[in-house]
Amino acid sequence: MSNQESINRGLDRAYNELKPEDTIKCDIESVRIVIFSDHHRGVRDGADDFQRCEGAYCAALGYYLERGYNLIVLGDAEELWECRPAPVIRAYENTLKLEAEFYKNREDRYCRIYGNHDDYWRDTGSINIGGEQITARDKLMISLHDKNNKSIGDIFFVHGHQGTFESDRFGKISRFFVRNLWRPFQRITHIKLTTPAKDAELRGEHDTAMYNWALNKNNGQKKLLLIAGHTHLPVFASKDHIGKISDELKSLQQQLDNARTSGDPHVDGIAEQTAEKRAELEYRKAQKNMKEDQKGIFMEKPCYFNSGCCSFSDGDITGLEIADGKIKLVKWPKDNPRVEVLEDADLRSDIFGSL
């Protein structure tokens, strides 16, 4: 079975098993949601990927609490392949209490979806956060409508590990391997485990597979967006930031060719913009350790989004906002607790209108 077929089967199973309680109907203009994923909270030791991001994440939670957003935690919030649950909960008691404030204000303001690294919550059925017993689920559907109750489209939320060999089908074996064999070895060697979250080539393959699944669900009658995490790569409207920069560079290169042909007096300015865009592209590719022939993710239909992660090595976090009829890819930097909008689009016209 190919990787695409496995992903299709896993996502189809989650989609077909949707129950009425998994679906929420919302007005597109009034809904306010922020989505974060892949914190990988540990026990504050050297293998804990979240602790450097904790400040940015807590700042973001405080902001969205005051702005009246709902919170979706989209899986792998705790690193339970490497750690036992109780020590992780104790280590991040204050951060978890901040998450729980969403739930205390109103139960439907907080949705906890488990991934592969925190699928322990699947077995328990819930997680105690800040004294609140919160249901853990594997999926969520939000159906958007306008003020006249006319359907606009659906958004399907999953972590994104569905159908993968090491995460979905052999999760318990993988968890045993990481906790008991890999983690001690990693402490000595500092070698990284090759997964879609760690390897740029695997990330591209996995994101492409999830995009293809979402694309096939949009058959003319149904309009569906897939929002996932898992790969740690922010994807907006079916392209990552490198894909976007690559497209902008191509456009500038075409403008430069035309300017040179026509003798445009602004050719030097366009050449400078082109050179700066190429520098930005190569910088981003080097940051992600991409191979020369890797082009980033750029897909035709805007049906797939990825929240990125809350465990970047520089301490920044990324997430997705849905509010005021728009969807945004946002970043919260470690050293400046202010939201930065990386991408934004109108849900009705730019996104659902293009499907």
Protein backbone atom coordinates (compact mmCIF):
# COMPACT_ATOMS: atom_id res chain seq x y z
CA MET A 1 0.00 0.00 0.00
CA SER A 2 1.40 3.40 -1.00
CA ASN A 3 1.83 6.28 1.44
CA GLN A 4 -1.01 8.17 -0.24
CA GLU A 5 -3.35 5.19 0.04
CA SER A 6 -2.51 4.79 3.74
CA ILE A 7 -3.15 8.46 4.46
CA ASN A 8 -6.40 8.32 2.47
CA ARG A 9 -7.57 5.30 4.44
CA GLY A 10 -6.70 6.86 7.80
CA LEU A 11 -8.35 10.20 7.04
CA ASP A 12 -11.38 8.52 5.48
CA ARG A 13 -11.85 6.45 8.62
CA ALA A 14 -11.78 9.55 10.83
CA TYR A 15 -14.08 11.46 8.47
CA ASN A 16 -16.60 8.63 8.10
CA GLU A 17 -16.74 8.08 11.86
CA LEU A 18 -17.86 11.66 12.58
CA LYS A 19 -20.72 11.73 15.09
CA PRO A 20 -23.26 14.52 15.65
CA GLU A 21 -21.37 15.66 18.76
CA ASP A 22 -18.21 16.07 16.63
CA THR A 23 -19.83 18.78 14.50
CA ILE A 24 -20.33 22.42 15.48
CA LYS A 25 -22.30 24.91 13.37
CA CYS A 26 -20.97 28.49 13.36
CA ASP A 27 -21.70 31.83 11.74
CA ILE A 28 -18.71 32.71 9.56
CA GLU A 29 -18.69 36.33 10.69
CA SER A 30 -18.94 35.72 14.44
CA VAL A 31 -16.80 32.60 14.98
CA ARG A 32 -13.42 33.27 16.65
CA ILE A 33 -10.96 30.36 16.87
CA VAL A 34 -7.22 29.99 17.34
CA ILE A 35 -5.49 26.70 16.56
CA PHE A 36 -2.16 25.56 18.01
CA SER A 37 -0.51 22.16 17.78
CA ASP A 38 2.63 20.12 18.41
CA HIS A 39 3.86 21.61 21.67
CA HIS A 40 5.56 18.35 22.72
CA ARG A 41 5.61 19.43 26.36
CA GLY A 42 8.06 17.32 28.34
CA VAL A 43 9.49 17.47 31.85
CA ARG A 44 11.74 20.53 31.42
CA ASP A 45 14.85 18.49 30.71
CA GLY A 46 17.25 18.65 27.77
CA ALA A 47 14.86 16.71 25.52
CA ASP A 48 11.92 19.07 26.16
CA ASP A 49 11.15 20.91 22.90
CA PHE A 50 8.47 23.18 24.38
CA GLN A 51 10.17 24.97 27.26
CA ARG A 52 11.91 27.52 25.01
CA CYS A 53 8.50 28.33 23.45
CA GLU A 54 6.53 28.56 26.69
CA GLY A 55 6.76 32.33 26.99
CA ALA A 56 5.45 32.99 23.48
CA TYR A 57 2.66 30.43 23.94
CA CYS A 58 1.48 31.84 27.27
CA ALA A 59 1.50 35.35 25.81
CA ALA A 60 -0.66 34.10 22.94
CA LEU A 61 -3.12 32.39 25.29
CA GLY A 62 -3.50 35.56 27.34
CA TYR A 63 -4.20 37.59 24.22
CA TYR A 64 -6.80 35.18 22.81
CA LEU A 65 -8.52 34.81 26.17
CA GLU A 66 -9.05 38.56 26.36
CA ARG A 67 -10.16 38.73 22.71
CA GLY A 68 -12.84 36.10 23.19
CA TYR A 69 -11.39 33.36 20.98
CA ASN A 70 -12.07 29.64 21.25
CA LEU A 71 -8.99 27.43 21.56
CA ILE A 72 -8.33 24.24 19.58
CA VAL A 73 -5.24 22.28 20.66
CA LEU A 74 -4.65 20.08 17.63
CA GLY A 75 -2.60 17.20 18.99
CA ASP A 76 0.84 16.31 20.35
CA ALA A 77 0.46 18.85 23.13
CA GLU A 78 2.30 16.52 25.52
CA GLU A 79 5.31 14.37 24.61
CA LEU A 80 4.04 11.09 26.02
CA TRP A 81 6.13 8.83 23.84
CA GLU A 82 9.16 10.01 25.79
CA CYS A 83 7.60 10.90 29.16
CA ARG A 84 4.99 9.67 31.61
CA PRO A 85 1.83 11.83 31.82
CA ALA A 86 1.93 12.86 35.50
CA PRO A 87 5.42 14.48 35.46
CA VAL A 88 4.55 16.43 32.30
CA ILE A 89 1.32 17.76 33.83
CA ARG A 90 3.21 18.79 36.97
CA ALA A 91 5.99 20.45 34.97
CA TYR A 92 3.55 22.66 33.05
CA GLU A 93 0.83 23.12 35.65
CA ASN A 94 0.65 26.90 35.20
CA THR A 95 0.57 26.76 31.39
CA LEU A 96 -2.18 24.13 31.50
CA LYS A 97 -4.19 26.24 33.96
CA LEU A 98 -4.02 29.06 31.43
CA GLU A 99 -5.42 26.72 28.75
CA ALA A 100 -8.14 25.65 31.19
CA GLU A 101 -9.36 29.25 31.49
CA PHE A 102 -10.91 28.87 28.04
CA TYR A 103 -12.91 25.91 29.33
CA LYS A 104 -13.91 27.60 32.59
CA ASN A 105 -15.38 30.58 30.76
CA ARG A 106 -17.51 28.30 28.60
CA GLU A 107 -17.04 24.59 27.95
CA ASP A 108 -17.25 24.86 24.17
CA ARG A 109 -14.42 27.43 24.10
CA TYR A 110 -11.77 24.72 24.44
CA CYS A 111 -11.36 21.66 22.22
CA ARG A 112 -8.57 19.17 22.90
CA ILE A 113 -7.69 16.86 19.98
CA TYR A 114 -5.06 14.19 20.58
CA GLY A 115 -2.30 13.24 18.18
CA ASN A 116 0.10 10.33 18.07
CA HIS A 117 2.52 11.56 20.75
CA ASP A 118 -0.29 12.24 23.23
CA ASP A 119 -2.64 9.41 22.27
CA TYR A 120 -2.57 8.36 25.92
CA TRP A 121 -5.58 10.69 26.23
CA ARG A 122 -7.41 8.51 23.72
CA ASP A 123 -7.18 5.63 26.17
CA THR A 124 -8.27 7.71 29.17
CA GLY A 125 -10.97 9.58 27.21
CA SER A 126 -10.22 12.87 28.95
CA ILE A 127 -7.49 14.95 30.56
CA ASN A 128 -7.57 16.84 33.83
CA ILE A 129 -6.34 20.36 33.14
CA GLY A 130 -6.40 22.96 35.88
CA GLY A 131 -8.99 20.98 37.81
CA GLU A 132 -11.24 20.67 34.75
CA GLN A 133 -11.95 17.26 33.21
CA ILE A 134 -11.76 17.90 29.48
CA THR A 135 -12.80 15.40 26.81
CA ALA A 136 -10.08 14.30 24.41
CA ARG A 137 -11.22 13.66 20.85
CA ASP A 138 -9.55 12.70 17.59
CA LYS A 139 -11.47 14.97 15.22
CA LEU A 140 -13.78 17.95 14.91
CA MET A 141 -15.94 19.37 12.14
CA ILE A 142 -17.00 23.02 11.99
CA SER A 143 -19.78 23.83 9.52
CA LEU A 144 -19.82 27.49 8.54
CA HIS A 145 -22.92 29.37 7.43
CA ASP A 146 -23.84 33.00 6.76
CA LYS A 147 -26.28 35.19 8.68
CA ASN A 148 -29.15 33.72 6.63
CA ASN A 149 -28.10 30.19 7.68
CA LYS A 150 -26.91 29.39 4.15
CA SER A 151 -24.10 26.83 4.15
CA ILE A 152 -20.66 28.13 3.10
CA GLY A 153 -18.41 25.12 3.75
CA ASP A 154 -16.94 22.76 6.33
CA ILE A 155 -13.60 22.66 8.15
CA PHE A 156 -12.32 19.25 9.24
CA PHE A 157 -9.77 19.22 12.08
CA VAL A 158 -7.46 16.27 12.82
CA HIS A 159 -3.91 16.01 14.11
CA GLY A 160 -2.70 14.57 10.80
CA HIS A 161 -1.04 11.30 11.81
CA GLN A 162 -3.94 9.20 10.56
CA GLY A 163 -2.78 6.34 8.36
CA THR A 164 0.95 6.72 9.01
CA PHE A 165 2.91 3.54 9.60
CA GLU A 166 4.79 4.51 12.76
CA SER A 167 2.09 6.72 14.32
CA ASP A 168 -1.35 5.29 13.60
CA ARG A 169 -1.00 1.61 12.82
CA PHE A 170 1.95 0.81 15.11
CA GLY A 171 1.66 3.63 17.63
CA LYS A 172 2.17 1.51 20.74
CA ILE A 173 5.28 -0.15 19.31
CA SER A 174 6.65 3.25 18.23
CA ARG A 175 5.96 4.71 21.66
CA PHE A 176 7.81 1.85 23.38
CA PHE A 177 10.76 2.26 20.99
CA VAL A 178 11.06 6.03 21.54
CA ARG A 179 10.68 5.94 25.32
CA ASN A 180 12.82 2.92 26.13
CA LEU A 181 15.39 2.69 23.33
CA TRP A 182 15.58 5.85 21.27
CA ARG A 183 15.48 8.48 24.01
CA PRO A 184 18.49 7.12 25.99
CA PHE A 185 20.40 6.72 22.72
CA GLN A 186 19.49 10.27 21.65
CA ARG A 187 20.76 11.73 24.94
CA ILE A 188 24.19 10.26 24.19
CA THR A 189 24.44 10.83 20.42
CA HIS A 190 22.12 13.86 19.85
CA ILE A 191 20.95 12.18 16.63
CA LYS A 192 17.45 13.24 15.57
CA LEU A 193 14.67 10.78 14.79
CA THR A 194 13.68 10.99 11.11
CA THR A 195 9.96 11.74 10.98
CA PRO A 196 7.81 14.18 8.99
CA ALA A 197 8.34 16.68 11.81
CA LYS A 198 12.15 16.44 11.50
CA ASP A 199 12.83 15.77 7.81
CA ALA A 200 11.99 18.31 5.10
CA GLU A 201 11.48 15.70 2.37
CA LEU A 202 9.11 13.61 4.49
CA ARG A 203 7.23 16.78 5.49
CA GLY A 204 6.61 17.60 1.85
CA GLU A 205 5.39 14.09 1.06
CA HIS A 206 3.05 13.98 4.05
CA ASP A 207 1.60 17.45 3.50
CA THR A 208 1.09 16.63 -0.17
CA ALA A 209 -0.76 13.44 0.76
CA MET A 210 -3.07 15.33 3.14
CA TYR A 211 -3.65 17.98 0.48
CA ASN A 212 -4.56 15.33 -2.10
CA TRP A 213 -7.09 13.81 0.29
CA ALA A 214 -8.71 17.20 0.92
CA LEU A 215 -8.71 18.00 -2.80
CA ASN A 216 -10.58 14.79 -3.59
CA LYS A 217 -13.23 15.67 -1.00
CA ASN A 218 -14.05 18.85 -2.90
CA ASN A 219 -16.13 17.35 -5.68
CA GLY A 220 -18.16 20.37 -6.75
CA GLN A 221 -21.04 19.75 -4.34
CA LYS A 222 -19.05 19.72 -1.10
CA LYS A 223 -16.59 22.40 0.02
CA LEU A 224 -14.18 21.15 2.66
CA LEU A 225 -11.00 22.47 4.26
CA LEU A 226 -8.60 20.19 6.12
CA ILE A 227 -6.67 21.72 9.03
CA ALA A 228 -3.97 19.54 10.58
CA GLY A 229 -0.69 19.65 12.47
CA HIS A 230 1.81 16.78 12.84
CA THR A 231 4.44 17.86 10.27
CA HIS A 232 5.45 21.05 12.18
CA LEU A 233 5.42 22.90 8.84
CA PRO A 234 3.05 25.89 8.60
CA VAL A 235 0.94 25.59 5.45
CA PHE A 236 -1.52 28.28 4.38
CA ALA A 237 -4.03 27.75 1.59
CA SER A 238 -2.09 24.66 0.44
CA LYS A 239 1.33 26.29 0.26
CA ASP A 240 4.11 26.76 2.77
CA HIS A 241 6.07 29.99 3.19
CA ILE A 242 8.84 28.76 0.90
CA GLY A 243 6.29 27.93 -1.79
CA LYS A 244 4.90 31.46 -1.50
CA ILE A 245 8.35 33.08 -1.69
CA SER A 246 9.24 30.91 -4.72
CA ASP A 247 6.11 32.08 -6.51
CA GLU A 248 6.86 35.73 -5.70
CA LEU A 249 10.42 35.28 -6.99
CA LYS A 250 9.16 33.86 -10.29
CA SER A 251 6.85 36.84 -10.70
CA LEU A 252 9.68 39.31 -10.04
CA GLN A 253 12.00 37.47 -12.44
CA GLN A 254 9.34 37.76 -15.14
CA GLN A 255 8.92 41.47 -14.39
CA LEU A 256 12.70 41.92 -14.61
CA ASP A 257 12.90 40.15 -17.99
CA ASN A 258 10.09 42.34 -19.35
CA ALA A 259 11.71 45.49 -17.95
CA ARG A 260 15.04 44.68 -19.59
CA THR A 261 13.38 43.91 -22.91
CA SER A 262 11.35 47.12 -22.93
CA GLY A 263 14.10 49.33 -21.55
CA ASP A 264 12.08 50.22 -18.47
CA PRO A 265 13.88 52.98 -16.51
CA HIS A 266 12.98 51.19 -13.24
CA VAL A 267 14.94 48.07 -14.16
CA ASP A 268 17.54 48.59 -11.42
CA GLY A 269 14.85 48.80 -8.74
CA ILE A 270 13.18 45.63 -10.00
CA ALA A 271 16.56 43.88 -10.12
CA GLU A 272 17.19 44.86 -6.49
CA GLN A 273 13.76 43.52 -5.42
CA THR A 274 14.46 40.28 -7.31
CA ALA A 275 17.85 39.86 -5.65
CA GLU A 276 16.37 40.51 -2.19
CA LYS A 277 13.60 37.98 -2.81
CA ARG A 278 16.16 35.36 -3.93
CA ALA A 279 18.17 36.06 -0.78
CA GLU A 280 15.04 35.56 1.35
CA LEU A 281 14.26 32.28 -0.42
CA GLU A 282 17.76 30.84 0.03
CA TYR A 283 17.79 31.94 3.68
CA ARG A 284 14.49 30.18 4.38
CA LYS A 285 15.62 27.03 2.57
CA ALA A 286 18.86 26.97 4.54
CA GLN A 287 16.90 27.35 7.79
CA LYS A 288 14.89 24.27 6.90
CA ASN A 289 17.96 22.39 5.64
CA MET A 290 16.27 21.78 2.30
CA LYS A 291 17.99 20.14 -0.63
CA GLU A 292 18.71 22.21 -3.74
CA ASP A 293 15.98 20.55 -5.79
CA GLN A 294 13.26 20.92 -3.14
CA LYS A 295 10.82 23.68 -4.09
CA GLY A 296 8.54 23.91 -1.08
CA ILE A 297 4.83 23.19 -1.08
CA PHE A 298 2.63 24.94 -3.61
CA MET A 299 -0.67 23.34 -4.56
CA GLU A 300 -3.47 24.61 -6.72
CA LYS A 301 -6.58 24.58 -4.54
CA PRO A 302 -6.61 26.27 -1.09
CA CYS A 303 -8.13 23.29 0.73
CA TYR A 304 -5.30 22.36 3.14
CA PHE A 305 -3.86 24.29 6.10
CA ASN A 306 -1.32 23.34 8.76
CA SER A 307 -0.86 25.15 12.07
CA GLY A 308 2.90 24.53 12.22
CA CYS A 309 4.03 23.96 15.80
CA CYS A 310 4.75 25.35 19.26
CA SER A 311 8.18 23.73 19.51
CA PHE A 312 10.41 25.58 17.05
CA SER A 313 14.05 25.65 18.09
CA ASP A 314 14.17 29.48 18.06
CA GLY A 315 11.36 29.74 20.61
CA ASP A 316 8.77 31.15 18.18
CA ILE A 317 5.38 29.51 17.68
CA THR A 318 2.91 29.51 14.79
CA GLY A 319 -0.84 28.95 14.67
CA LEU A 320 -3.99 29.68 12.70
CA GLU A 321 -6.69 32.24 13.48
CA ILE A 322 -10.26 32.12 12.18
CA ALA A 323 -12.12 35.34 12.94
CA ASP A 324 -14.18 38.09 11.29
CA GLY A 325 -14.68 35.97 8.19
CA LYS A 326 -10.94 35.55 7.63
CA ILE A 327 -8.30 32.90 8.20
CA LYS A 328 -4.75 33.89 9.15
CA LEU A 329 -1.41 32.20 9.65
CA VAL A 330 0.18 33.87 12.65
CA LYS A 331 3.48 33.82 14.48
CA TRP A 332 4.23 34.72 18.09
CA PRO A 333 7.97 35.49 18.46
CA LYS A 334 9.86 34.46 21.56
CA ASP A 335 11.35 37.89 22.26
CA ASN A 336 8.35 40.06 21.38
CA PRO A 337 4.96 38.87 22.66
CA ARG A 338 2.97 40.43 19.83
CA VAL A 339 1.09 38.59 17.12
CA GLU A 340 2.56 38.76 13.60
CA VAL A 341 0.27 37.95 10.66
CA LEU A 342 2.22 35.95 8.07
CA GLU A 343 -0.69 35.26 5.70
CA ASP A 344 -4.38 36.07 5.59
CA ALA A 345 -7.34 35.45 3.31
CA ASP A 346 -11.10 35.94 3.22
CA LEU A 347 -12.70 32.58 3.95
CA ARG A 348 -15.80 33.10 1.84
CA SER A 349 -14.30 34.60 -1.33
CA ASP A 350 -10.62 33.64 -1.36
CA ILE A 351 -10.85 30.15 0.14
CA PHE A 352 -14.28 28.53 -0.22
CA GLY A 353 -14.92 30.61 -3.34
CA SER A 354 -11.90 28.97 -5.01
CA LEU A 355 -12.97 25.37 -4.32
